[in-house]
Amino acid sequence: MGMIVKHNLTAMNSNRMLGLTTTSQAKATEKLSSGYKINRAADDAAGLAISEKMRKQIRGLTQASLNAQDGVSAVQTADGALNEVHDMVQRLTELAVKAANGTLSVSDRDAVQNEVDQLIAEIDRVSTTTKFNETYLLRGANGSVSGSLSYSKAAASLTNNLGFTQTGVTGFIPPDAQTGTSRLVFGAPIKAQVATDATNGYPGIKLNGSAATNTQFSGRQITVGNTTYVLVESTSAVNSKADKASASAVVKAINDAKDPKGDGTGTTNPIKAFTSMDSLISAVRRQYGSELKAVTSYYDDVLGTIALKCEAFADLNDAIDVSLHVGTDSSNDNKIYMNIAQLSARGLGLNGLMVNGDDDDAATQAIDIIADALQKVSNQRASLGAIQNRLEHTIANLDNVVENTTAAEAAIRDTDMATQMVEYSNNQILAQAGQAMLAQSNQATQGVLSLLQ
C-alpha cells in the first residue's frame, strides 16, 4: 500500500469487517433471545410463507379440537338429562304395571295417577329447560328457529275441540299460542241448602235421614267446557239441634245424583264434586290430559278471587340440527352433524297418559305407550353416545395433526439454540479480533509520521 496517510485502508477494512460481525452478532442475539430464527420476512422469505400456512392450520385445528370438545360437553349434557328421563319412564312402567293389577281399587289407581302426572310434568320440564351455553338441546326446532316452542295445537284443541271456553266469565284468558297458559276463574262463593235451596242451583241433591233437609254446604264452583266442578269446603246445620251431613257425604250425593241442579241438564252438563282443591284441579287436568300438563290454583289479586292457571303441552317440533365445525377449512367434510329430537311429553307420546279408572283397561294400554316412549329415549341416547365416541376420535386425530404440524413449523421457525450459540460465540470472538485489528490499523499510520520529524 505504501506510505500514505490520506486513506487508512487497513482501518477501513477492519471497520467494515467489524461492522459485518456486529450485524451478524446482533441477529444471533435476536434469535437467541426470541427463540425464533425468522423474526422478519428478510430472515427467510420462503420459510416465513411456508410456516405461516402451517400456523394457520395449527391455530385452526386447535380451535376445531376445542369445538369438538364443546360438542362432547353438549352431548354429555343432553345425555345426562335423558338419563333422568330414562329413570322416570322406567318408573312409569312400574306404575302402569301396578295399576294394571286387578286388586287395586279406584282410589288406589287415582293415587298412582297422581304420581304419573307429576312424572310426566317433570319429563316435559326437563325437555323444556335443558340447555348448553344458552342453546336448548331437547326442545327441537320450530321450522328454522331452534329451541322455539309454540302452543297453537293445544290452544286450538282446548278452545275449539274440547270446549275449553268460558265466554262471558270475567277474567277468563283463553290458551295463549305463545306461552301455552290460560286462566279460569272460580265463580263467587256458593252456599246452598241441600234438597230444598233452588236459588243456588242444587235442589237435586238427595241425602238420607234428618240431614236431608238440615245440611247446607259452602264452597266454590267453576265450569270448564260443559262440566261444572264443585268444591265443597264445609258443611253446616240449618238447625243446630239436628244432624248435618259431612262434606264427603255431600260430595258423594252430588256425584251420585243424575241431575244435581234439578233442571234437567245433568246428563248433558255433568257436575263433579270434590272435598279438596287438589282433587278438583287434578280432575280438570285429566279431563284435558292430552293437552294440559299442569293445573294450579292461585289467588288473583286483581280479580279478588281464586283462579286456575292451566299450562299446556307444547306442540311437537322437528329435531334440532347441530353442526360442529371440526376442521380448519370451509368444506362440509369439516363438519359433524347431529340431530336431537324433541323429547317432551308430547314428543314421547306420554301426554294424556292415564292409568286410573274403574278397571285396569287404561293401565294395561299405558304399558305399551310407555314402552314406545322408553324406546325413543333409548334410541336418542344411543345416537348421542355414538356421536360422542366419534367426537373423541376426532379430537384425538386433530390433536395429533396439530402436534406434528407444530413440529414441522418449529423446524422452520424456531432457533436451534446450540447451533446459534456457537455462531454467537464465534461472532463474539471475531468482534473482539476486529476491534483489536482496528486499533492496530489506526496505530500503523503513526509510524509514517515519524518520517516527518
Protein backbone atom coordinates (compact mmCIF):
# COMPACT_ATOMS: atom_id res chain seq x y z
CA MET A 1 0.00 0.00 0.00
CA GLY A 2 2.97 2.27 0.50
CA MET A 3 3.41 5.06 2.97
CA ILE A 4 0.15 7.04 2.74
CA VAL A 5 -1.89 8.84 5.38
CA LYS A 6 -4.77 10.29 3.37
CA HIS A 7 -6.72 6.99 3.39
CA ASN A 8 -6.22 4.38 6.10
CA LEU A 9 -7.46 1.49 4.01
CA THR A 10 -6.41 -1.09 6.58
CA ALA A 11 -8.52 0.63 9.22
CA MET A 12 -11.41 0.97 6.76
CA ASN A 13 -11.26 -2.75 6.02
CA SER A 14 -11.07 -3.65 9.68
CA ASN A 15 -14.01 -1.35 10.44
CA ARG A 16 -16.09 -2.81 7.60
CA MET A 17 -15.44 -6.35 8.77
CA LEU A 18 -16.17 -5.37 12.37
CA GLY A 19 -19.48 -3.91 11.18
CA LEU A 20 -20.43 -7.14 9.45
CA THR A 21 -19.52 -9.12 12.54
CA THR A 22 -21.51 -6.78 14.76
CA THR A 23 -24.58 -7.05 12.48
CA SER A 24 -24.30 -10.85 12.45
CA GLN A 25 -23.90 -10.88 16.23
CA ALA A 26 -26.97 -8.66 16.65
CA LYS A 27 -29.04 -11.07 14.57
CA ALA A 28 -27.69 -14.01 16.56
CA THR A 29 -28.60 -12.21 19.78
CA GLU A 30 -32.12 -11.56 18.45
CA LYS A 31 -32.57 -15.21 17.51
CA LEU A 32 -31.31 -16.41 20.86
CA SER A 33 -33.48 -14.02 22.84
CA SER A 34 -36.67 -14.50 20.79
CA GLY A 35 -36.33 -18.24 20.22
CA TYR A 36 -37.14 -17.72 16.53
CA LYS A 37 -34.68 -17.83 13.69
CA ILE A 38 -37.20 -16.00 11.48
CA ASN A 39 -38.05 -12.69 13.13
CA ARG A 40 -38.76 -10.80 9.91
CA ALA A 41 -39.52 -11.76 6.35
CA ALA A 42 -35.94 -10.91 5.31
CA ASP A 43 -34.57 -13.63 7.60
CA ASP A 44 -36.12 -16.35 5.39
CA ALA A 45 -38.80 -15.20 2.97
CA ALA A 46 -39.73 -18.68 1.72
CA GLY A 47 -39.58 -20.18 5.19
CA LEU A 48 -41.86 -17.43 6.50
CA ALA A 49 -44.51 -18.11 3.84
CA ILE A 50 -44.42 -21.85 4.41
CA SER A 51 -44.53 -21.61 8.19
CA GLU A 52 -47.39 -19.10 8.22
CA LYS A 53 -49.51 -21.59 6.27
CA MET A 54 -48.64 -24.16 8.91
CA ARG A 55 -49.52 -21.70 11.66
CA LYS A 56 -52.93 -21.16 10.05
CA GLN A 57 -53.56 -24.89 10.09
CA ILE A 58 -52.27 -25.27 13.64
CA ARG A 59 -54.43 -22.49 15.08
CA GLY A 60 -57.47 -23.55 13.05
CA LEU A 61 -57.19 -27.19 14.09
CA THR A 62 -56.55 -26.23 17.72
CA GLN A 63 -59.85 -24.35 17.73
CA ALA A 64 -61.51 -27.22 15.86
CA SER A 65 -60.39 -29.54 18.64
CA LEU A 66 -61.96 -27.16 21.17
CA ASN A 67 -65.13 -27.10 19.05
CA ALA A 68 -65.28 -30.90 19.15
CA GLN A 69 -64.71 -30.83 22.90
CA ASP A 70 -67.61 -28.38 23.26
CA GLY A 71 -69.66 -30.84 21.22
CA VAL A 72 -68.78 -33.60 23.65
CA SER A 73 -69.83 -31.39 26.54
CA ALA A 74 -73.15 -30.60 24.85
CA VAL A 75 -73.76 -34.30 24.14
CA GLN A 76 -72.96 -35.20 27.74
CA THR A 77 -75.37 -32.51 28.96
CA ALA A 78 -78.17 -33.90 26.80
CA ASP A 79 -77.35 -37.47 27.76
CA GLY A 80 -77.32 -36.60 31.45
CA ALA A 81 -80.78 -35.09 31.16
CA LEU A 82 -82.06 -38.07 29.20
CA ASN A 83 -80.63 -40.40 31.82
CA GLU A 84 -83.07 -38.86 34.29
CA VAL A 85 -85.86 -39.12 31.71
CA HIS A 86 -84.96 -42.78 31.32
CA ASP A 87 -85.32 -43.31 35.07
CA MET A 88 -88.68 -41.54 35.12
CA VAL A 89 -90.01 -43.55 32.17
CA GLN A 90 -88.88 -46.75 33.89
CA ARG A 91 -90.80 -45.64 36.96
CA LEU A 92 -93.84 -45.05 34.76
CA THR A 93 -93.53 -48.67 33.66
CA GLU A 94 -93.66 -49.81 37.27
CA LEU A 95 -96.67 -47.63 37.97
CA ALA A 96 -98.57 -48.78 34.88
CA VAL A 97 -97.95 -52.43 35.72
CA LYS A 98 -99.07 -51.77 39.28
CA ALA A 99 -102.25 -50.01 38.17
CA ALA A 100 -103.00 -52.83 35.72
CA ASN A 101 -103.37 -55.26 38.61
CA GLY A 102 -106.99 -56.13 39.33
CA THR A 103 -106.53 -55.95 43.09
CA LEU A 104 -106.33 -52.14 43.09
CA SER A 105 -109.36 -50.00 43.86
CA VAL A 106 -110.41 -46.84 42.06
CA SER A 107 -108.84 -44.70 44.78
CA ASP A 108 -105.62 -46.73 44.54
CA ARG A 109 -105.38 -46.04 40.83
CA ASP A 110 -106.09 -42.35 41.45
CA ALA A 111 -103.11 -42.27 43.80
CA VAL A 112 -100.96 -43.96 41.15
CA GLN A 113 -102.25 -41.50 38.55
CA ASN A 114 -101.11 -38.58 40.72
CA GLU A 115 -97.52 -39.82 40.57
CA VAL A 116 -97.82 -40.50 36.85
CA ASP A 117 -98.99 -36.90 36.31
CA GLN A 118 -96.04 -35.48 38.23
CA LEU A 119 -93.51 -37.64 36.40
CA ILE A 120 -94.88 -36.65 33.01
CA ALA A 121 -94.81 -32.98 34.00
CA GLU A 122 -91.17 -33.35 35.07
CA ILE A 123 -90.23 -35.13 31.85
CA ASP A 124 -91.73 -32.21 29.96
CA ARG A 125 -89.94 -29.69 32.17
CA VAL A 126 -86.58 -31.38 31.57
CA SER A 127 -87.19 -31.19 27.83
CA THR A 128 -88.14 -27.52 28.08
CA THR A 129 -85.28 -26.32 30.27
CA THR A 130 -82.20 -28.39 29.42
CA LYS A 131 -79.66 -26.22 27.62
CA PHE A 132 -75.94 -25.88 26.98
CA ASN A 133 -74.37 -22.44 26.58
CA GLU A 134 -77.86 -20.92 26.22
CA THR A 135 -78.78 -23.42 23.49
CA TYR A 136 -81.82 -25.57 24.25
CA LEU A 137 -80.96 -29.17 23.50
CA LEU A 138 -84.24 -31.07 23.87
CA ARG A 139 -86.78 -28.56 22.56
CA GLY A 140 -86.25 -29.35 18.89
CA ALA A 141 -86.72 -26.71 16.21
CA ASN A 142 -89.86 -24.85 15.21
CA GLY A 143 -89.23 -24.54 11.49
CA SER A 144 -85.87 -22.85 11.14
CA VAL A 145 -85.90 -21.48 14.69
CA SER A 146 -84.09 -23.76 17.10
CA GLY A 147 -85.49 -24.06 20.63
CA SER A 148 -88.69 -22.12 19.88
CA LEU A 149 -91.89 -23.56 21.32
CA SER A 150 -95.43 -22.98 20.14
CA TYR A 151 -98.76 -23.99 21.64
CA SER A 152 -101.09 -23.46 18.71
CA LYS A 153 -102.22 -27.10 18.65
CA ALA A 154 -103.06 -27.08 22.33
CA ALA A 155 -104.76 -23.69 22.08
CA ALA A 156 -106.90 -24.79 19.15
CA SER A 157 -107.73 -28.13 20.72
CA LEU A 158 -108.65 -26.68 24.09
CA THR A 159 -110.61 -23.75 22.71
CA ASN A 160 -112.42 -25.40 19.83
CA ASN A 161 -112.39 -29.17 20.06
CA LEU A 162 -112.66 -29.77 23.79
CA GLY A 163 -114.87 -26.81 24.55
CA PHE A 164 -112.36 -25.18 26.89
CA THR A 165 -114.31 -21.94 26.86
CA GLN A 166 -115.61 -19.54 29.44
CA THR A 167 -117.29 -16.92 27.28
CA GLY A 168 -118.77 -14.24 29.48
CA VAL A 169 -116.83 -15.19 32.59
CA THR A 170 -114.90 -12.25 33.98
CA GLY A 171 -111.16 -12.78 33.99
CA PHE A 172 -111.04 -15.74 31.62
CA ILE A 173 -107.92 -15.86 29.48
CA PRO A 174 -108.03 -18.40 26.63
CA PRO A 175 -104.97 -20.53 25.86
CA ASP A 176 -102.08 -18.43 24.58
CA ALA A 177 -100.43 -19.87 21.45
CA GLN A 178 -97.09 -18.32 22.54
CA THR A 179 -96.90 -19.35 26.20
CA GLY A 180 -99.42 -22.16 26.44
CA THR A 181 -101.03 -20.75 29.58
CA SER A 182 -104.65 -19.92 30.23
CA ARG A 183 -106.66 -18.81 33.25
CA LEU A 184 -110.00 -19.93 34.57
CA VAL A 185 -111.72 -18.06 37.36
CA PHE A 186 -113.93 -19.58 40.03
CA GLY A 187 -117.34 -18.07 40.45
CA ALA A 188 -118.45 -16.33 43.62
CA PRO A 189 -118.56 -18.48 46.77
CA ILE A 190 -121.69 -20.60 46.91
CA LYS A 191 -123.86 -21.56 49.87
CA ALA A 192 -126.67 -23.99 49.24
CA GLN A 193 -129.11 -25.89 51.42
CA VAL A 194 -129.29 -29.48 50.31
CA ALA A 195 -132.55 -30.70 48.74
CA THR A 196 -134.54 -27.50 49.29
CA ASP A 197 -132.50 -24.50 48.11
CA ALA A 198 -133.18 -23.92 44.42
CA THR A 199 -131.67 -20.42 44.50
CA ASN A 200 -128.12 -21.68 44.22
CA GLY A 201 -128.97 -24.36 41.72
CA TYR A 202 -128.61 -27.56 43.79
CA PRO A 203 -132.13 -28.75 44.63
CA GLY A 204 -131.49 -32.18 43.15
CA ILE A 205 -129.06 -33.40 45.83
CA LYS A 206 -130.59 -36.16 47.95
CA LEU A 207 -129.46 -37.18 51.43
CA ASN A 208 -130.93 -39.62 53.90
CA GLY A 209 -132.29 -39.16 57.37
CA SER A 210 -132.62 -35.92 59.28
CA ALA A 211 -129.57 -34.48 57.49
CA ALA A 212 -131.51 -34.43 54.24
CA THR A 213 -133.09 -31.06 54.93
CA ASN A 214 -130.75 -29.81 57.66
CA THR A 215 -127.46 -29.61 55.72
CA GLN A 216 -126.09 -26.66 53.87
CA PHE A 217 -122.69 -26.53 52.26
CA SER A 218 -120.26 -23.76 51.38
CA GLY A 219 -117.82 -23.85 48.54
CA ARG A 220 -116.96 -22.72 45.05
CA GLN A 221 -117.65 -23.84 41.52
CA ILE A 222 -116.10 -23.44 38.11
CA THR A 223 -117.29 -24.55 34.69
CA VAL A 224 -114.79 -25.96 32.22
CA GLY A 225 -116.29 -26.90 28.89
CA ASN A 226 -119.66 -28.47 29.70
CA THR A 227 -118.63 -29.77 33.12
CA THR A 228 -119.14 -27.91 36.38
CA TYR A 229 -116.60 -28.65 39.09
CA VAL A 230 -117.80 -28.05 42.65
CA LEU A 231 -115.54 -27.68 45.67
CA VAL A 232 -117.39 -28.46 48.91
CA GLU A 233 -115.31 -26.68 51.52
CA SER A 234 -117.53 -27.17 54.59
CA THR A 235 -120.99 -28.12 55.75
CA SER A 236 -123.15 -26.69 58.48
CA ALA A 237 -126.51 -27.43 60.06
CA VAL A 238 -129.54 -25.30 59.33
CA ASN A 239 -130.87 -26.27 62.72
CA SER A 240 -128.10 -26.72 65.22
CA LYS A 241 -130.14 -29.24 67.16
CA ALA A 242 -130.41 -31.62 64.22
CA ASP A 243 -127.88 -33.71 62.32
CA LYS A 244 -125.88 -32.45 59.38
CA ALA A 245 -124.08 -34.40 56.67
CA SER A 246 -120.31 -34.34 56.29
CA ALA A 247 -118.57 -32.71 53.33
CA SER A 248 -117.70 -36.13 51.90
CA ALA A 249 -121.35 -37.19 52.17
CA VAL A 250 -122.48 -34.10 50.26
CA VAL A 251 -119.80 -34.71 47.61
CA LYS A 252 -120.97 -38.29 47.21
CA ALA A 253 -124.58 -37.15 46.94
CA ILE A 254 -123.71 -34.64 44.23
CA ASN A 255 -121.69 -37.18 42.26
CA ASP A 256 -124.41 -39.84 42.61
CA ALA A 257 -127.23 -37.53 41.57
CA LYS A 258 -128.28 -37.79 37.95
CA ASP A 259 -129.36 -34.15 37.97
CA PRO A 260 -127.82 -32.26 40.94
CA LYS A 261 -129.19 -28.89 39.81
CA GLY A 262 -132.64 -30.31 39.26
CA ASP A 263 -133.00 -28.53 35.94
CA GLY A 264 -132.86 -31.49 33.58
CA THR A 265 -129.35 -30.72 32.32
CA GLY A 266 -127.45 -33.17 34.49
CA THR A 267 -126.99 -35.77 31.77
CA THR A 268 -125.56 -33.31 29.23
CA ASN A 269 -123.77 -30.95 31.63
CA PRO A 270 -122.32 -33.15 34.36
CA ILE A 271 -121.40 -31.86 37.80
CA LYS A 272 -118.43 -33.28 39.66
CA ALA A 273 -117.87 -32.51 43.32
CA PHE A 274 -114.73 -32.72 45.43
CA THR A 275 -113.69 -32.11 49.02
CA SER A 276 -110.22 -30.70 48.19
CA MET A 277 -108.83 -28.25 45.70
CA ASP A 278 -106.07 -30.71 44.75
CA SER A 279 -108.64 -33.32 43.75
CA LEU A 280 -110.62 -30.78 41.77
CA ILE A 281 -107.68 -29.42 39.75
CA SER A 282 -106.45 -32.99 39.11
CA ALA A 283 -109.85 -33.77 37.59
CA VAL A 284 -109.69 -30.67 35.39
CA ARG A 285 -106.23 -31.59 34.17
CA ARG A 286 -107.22 -35.17 33.47
CA GLN A 287 -110.29 -34.15 31.51
CA TYR A 288 -107.94 -32.37 29.10
CA GLY A 289 -104.94 -34.58 29.81
CA SER A 290 -103.63 -34.82 26.27
CA GLU A 291 -103.23 -31.03 26.17
CA LEU A 292 -102.74 -29.88 29.78
CA LYS A 293 -99.61 -30.80 31.71
CA ALA A 294 -100.34 -28.79 34.85
CA VAL A 295 -103.20 -27.01 36.56
CA THR A 296 -102.57 -24.98 39.70
CA SER A 297 -104.79 -22.77 41.83
CA TYR A 298 -103.85 -19.30 43.00
CA TYR A 299 -105.48 -16.19 44.39
CA ASP A 300 -105.85 -13.48 41.76
CA ASP A 301 -105.26 -10.15 43.49
CA VAL A 302 -106.69 -8.16 40.59
CA LEU A 303 -109.94 -10.10 40.39
CA GLY A 304 -110.06 -10.82 44.11
CA THR A 305 -110.92 -14.47 43.67
CA ILE A 306 -109.45 -17.93 43.25
CA ALA A 307 -108.38 -18.87 39.73
CA LEU A 308 -106.79 -21.79 37.94
CA LYS A 309 -103.62 -21.43 35.91
CA CYS A 310 -103.55 -24.02 33.12
CA GLU A 311 -100.29 -24.92 31.37
CA ALA A 312 -100.43 -26.79 28.06
CA PHE A 313 -98.03 -29.22 26.46
CA ALA A 314 -96.01 -27.58 23.69
CA ASP A 315 -96.55 -28.55 20.07
CA LEU A 316 -94.28 -31.20 18.61
CA ASN A 317 -91.18 -29.71 16.95
CA ASP A 318 -88.75 -31.18 14.44
CA ALA A 319 -85.41 -32.48 15.68
CA ILE A 320 -82.79 -29.83 16.32
CA ASP A 321 -79.88 -29.92 13.83
CA VAL A 322 -76.49 -29.14 15.38
CA SER A 323 -73.35 -28.84 13.23
CA LEU A 324 -69.90 -28.97 14.79
CA HIS A 325 -67.04 -27.46 12.77
CA VAL A 326 -64.08 -29.74 13.41
CA GLY A 327 -61.65 -28.67 10.67
CA THR A 328 -59.71 -25.65 9.50
CA ASP A 329 -61.34 -25.43 6.06
CA SER A 330 -64.81 -24.33 4.98
CA SER A 331 -65.86 -27.53 3.19
CA ASN A 332 -68.75 -29.61 4.53
CA ASP A 333 -66.49 -32.56 5.27
CA ASN A 334 -65.06 -30.42 8.08
CA LYS A 335 -68.43 -30.55 9.87
CA ILE A 336 -70.06 -33.22 12.01
CA TYR A 337 -73.85 -33.10 12.17
CA MET A 338 -76.07 -34.45 14.91
CA ASN A 339 -79.83 -34.41 15.47
CA ILE A 340 -81.60 -34.30 18.82
CA ALA A 341 -85.33 -34.91 18.84
CA GLN A 342 -87.78 -33.00 20.99
CA LEU A 343 -88.19 -35.47 23.82
CA SER A 344 -91.02 -33.69 25.60
CA ALA A 345 -94.09 -35.46 26.95
CA ARG A 346 -95.79 -34.92 23.60
CA GLY A 347 -92.66 -35.99 21.73
CA LEU A 348 -92.61 -39.24 23.72
CA GLY A 349 -96.35 -39.74 23.38
CA LEU A 350 -96.87 -39.56 27.14
CA ASN A 351 -99.18 -36.54 27.20
CA GLY A 352 -102.59 -37.62 28.43
CA LEU A 353 -101.32 -40.95 29.77
CA MET A 354 -103.95 -42.44 32.07
CA VAL A 355 -103.67 -45.45 34.37
CA ASN A 356 -106.69 -44.72 36.58
CA GLY A 357 -110.31 -45.77 36.19
CA ASP A 358 -112.80 -48.33 37.41
CA ASP A 359 -110.87 -51.20 35.83
CA ASP A 360 -107.38 -51.99 34.57
CA ASP A 361 -108.02 -51.29 30.88
CA ALA A 362 -106.38 -47.85 30.77
CA ALA A 363 -103.36 -49.00 32.77
CA THR A 364 -102.90 -52.04 30.55
CA GLN A 365 -102.92 -49.90 27.41
CA ALA A 366 -100.50 -47.47 29.08
CA ILE A 367 -97.85 -50.20 29.36
CA ASP A 368 -97.34 -50.28 25.57
CA ILE A 369 -97.38 -46.48 25.32
CA ILE A 370 -94.65 -46.25 27.95
CA ALA A 371 -92.64 -48.97 26.19
CA ASP A 372 -92.68 -46.91 22.99
CA ALA A 373 -91.55 -43.83 24.92
CA LEU A 374 -88.74 -45.82 26.51
CA GLN A 375 -87.56 -46.95 23.08
CA LYS A 376 -87.49 -43.36 21.81
CA VAL A 377 -85.32 -42.26 24.73
CA SER A 378 -83.04 -45.27 24.26
CA ASN A 379 -82.63 -44.58 20.55
CA GLN A 380 -81.76 -40.94 21.16
CA ARG A 381 -79.25 -41.76 23.89
CA ALA A 382 -77.65 -44.43 21.69
CA SER A 383 -77.32 -41.84 18.90
CA LEU A 384 -75.76 -39.33 21.28
CA GLY A 385 -73.35 -41.97 22.58
CA ALA A 386 -72.24 -42.80 19.05
CA ILE A 387 -71.68 -39.12 18.29
CA GLN A 388 -69.64 -38.69 21.46
CA ASN A 389 -67.41 -41.64 20.55
CA ARG A 390 -66.91 -40.17 17.09
CA LEU A 391 -66.04 -36.77 18.54
CA GLU A 392 -63.48 -38.26 20.88
CA HIS A 393 -61.75 -39.91 17.92
CA THR A 394 -61.96 -36.61 16.05
CA ILE A 395 -60.30 -34.78 18.94
CA ALA A 396 -57.51 -37.36 19.11
CA ASN A 397 -56.87 -37.02 15.37
CA LEU A 398 -56.93 -33.22 15.44
CA ASP A 399 -54.52 -33.10 18.36
CA ASN A 400 -52.17 -35.48 16.51
CA VAL A 401 -52.22 -33.31 13.37
CA VAL A 402 -51.61 -30.18 15.44
CA GLU A 403 -48.67 -31.80 17.20
CA ASN A 404 -46.95 -32.96 14.03
CA THR A 405 -47.64 -29.75 12.13
CA THR A 406 -46.24 -27.80 15.07
CA ALA A 407 -43.08 -29.90 14.90
CA ALA A 408 -42.71 -29.07 11.19
CA GLU A 409 -43.37 -25.38 11.82
CA ALA A 410 -40.87 -25.37 14.68
CA ALA A 411 -38.19 -26.79 12.40
CA ILE A 412 -38.65 -23.80 10.10
CA ARG A 413 -39.20 -21.01 12.63
CA ASP A 414 -37.57 -22.00 15.90
CA THR A 415 -33.95 -21.21 16.75
CA ASP A 416 -31.53 -24.12 17.14
CA MET A 417 -30.11 -22.80 20.36
CA ALA A 418 -26.91 -24.88 20.31
CA THR A 419 -26.01 -24.00 16.71
CA GLN A 420 -26.91 -20.37 17.18
CA MET A 421 -24.88 -20.16 20.38
CA VAL A 422 -21.84 -21.46 18.52
CA GLU A 423 -22.35 -18.76 15.89
CA TYR A 424 -22.87 -16.15 18.60
CA SER A 425 -19.62 -17.15 20.33
CA ASN A 426 -17.77 -17.13 17.02
CA ASN A 427 -19.07 -13.65 16.21
CA GLN A 428 -18.12 -12.51 19.69
CA ILE A 429 -14.52 -13.68 19.12
CA LEU A 430 -14.45 -12.09 15.67
CA ALA A 431 -15.77 -8.85 17.12
CA GLN A 432 -13.01 -8.80 19.70
CA ALA A 433 -10.41 -9.55 17.00
CA GLY A 434 -11.89 -6.91 14.72
CA GLN A 435 -11.72 -4.33 17.46
CA ALA A 436 -8.08 -5.23 18.12
CA MET A 437 -7.19 -5.05 14.43
CA LEU A 438 -8.97 -1.73 14.05
CA ALA A 439 -6.87 -0.39 16.90
CA GLN A 440 -3.69 -1.73 15.30
CA SER A 441 -4.66 -0.23 11.92
CA ASN A 442 -5.15 3.17 13.50
CA GLN A 443 -1.71 2.97 15.12
CA ALA A 444 0.01 1.84 11.89
CA THR A 445 -0.21 5.32 10.40
CA GLN A 446 1.57 6.72 13.40
CA GLY A 447 4.85 5.19 12.07
CA VAL A 448 4.53 7.20 8.83
CA LEU A 449 4.51 10.42 10.83
CA SER A 450 7.99 9.61 12.21
CA LEU A 451 9.41 10.28 8.74
CA LEU A 452 8.27 13.90 9.06
CA GLN A 453 10.34 14.55 12.19
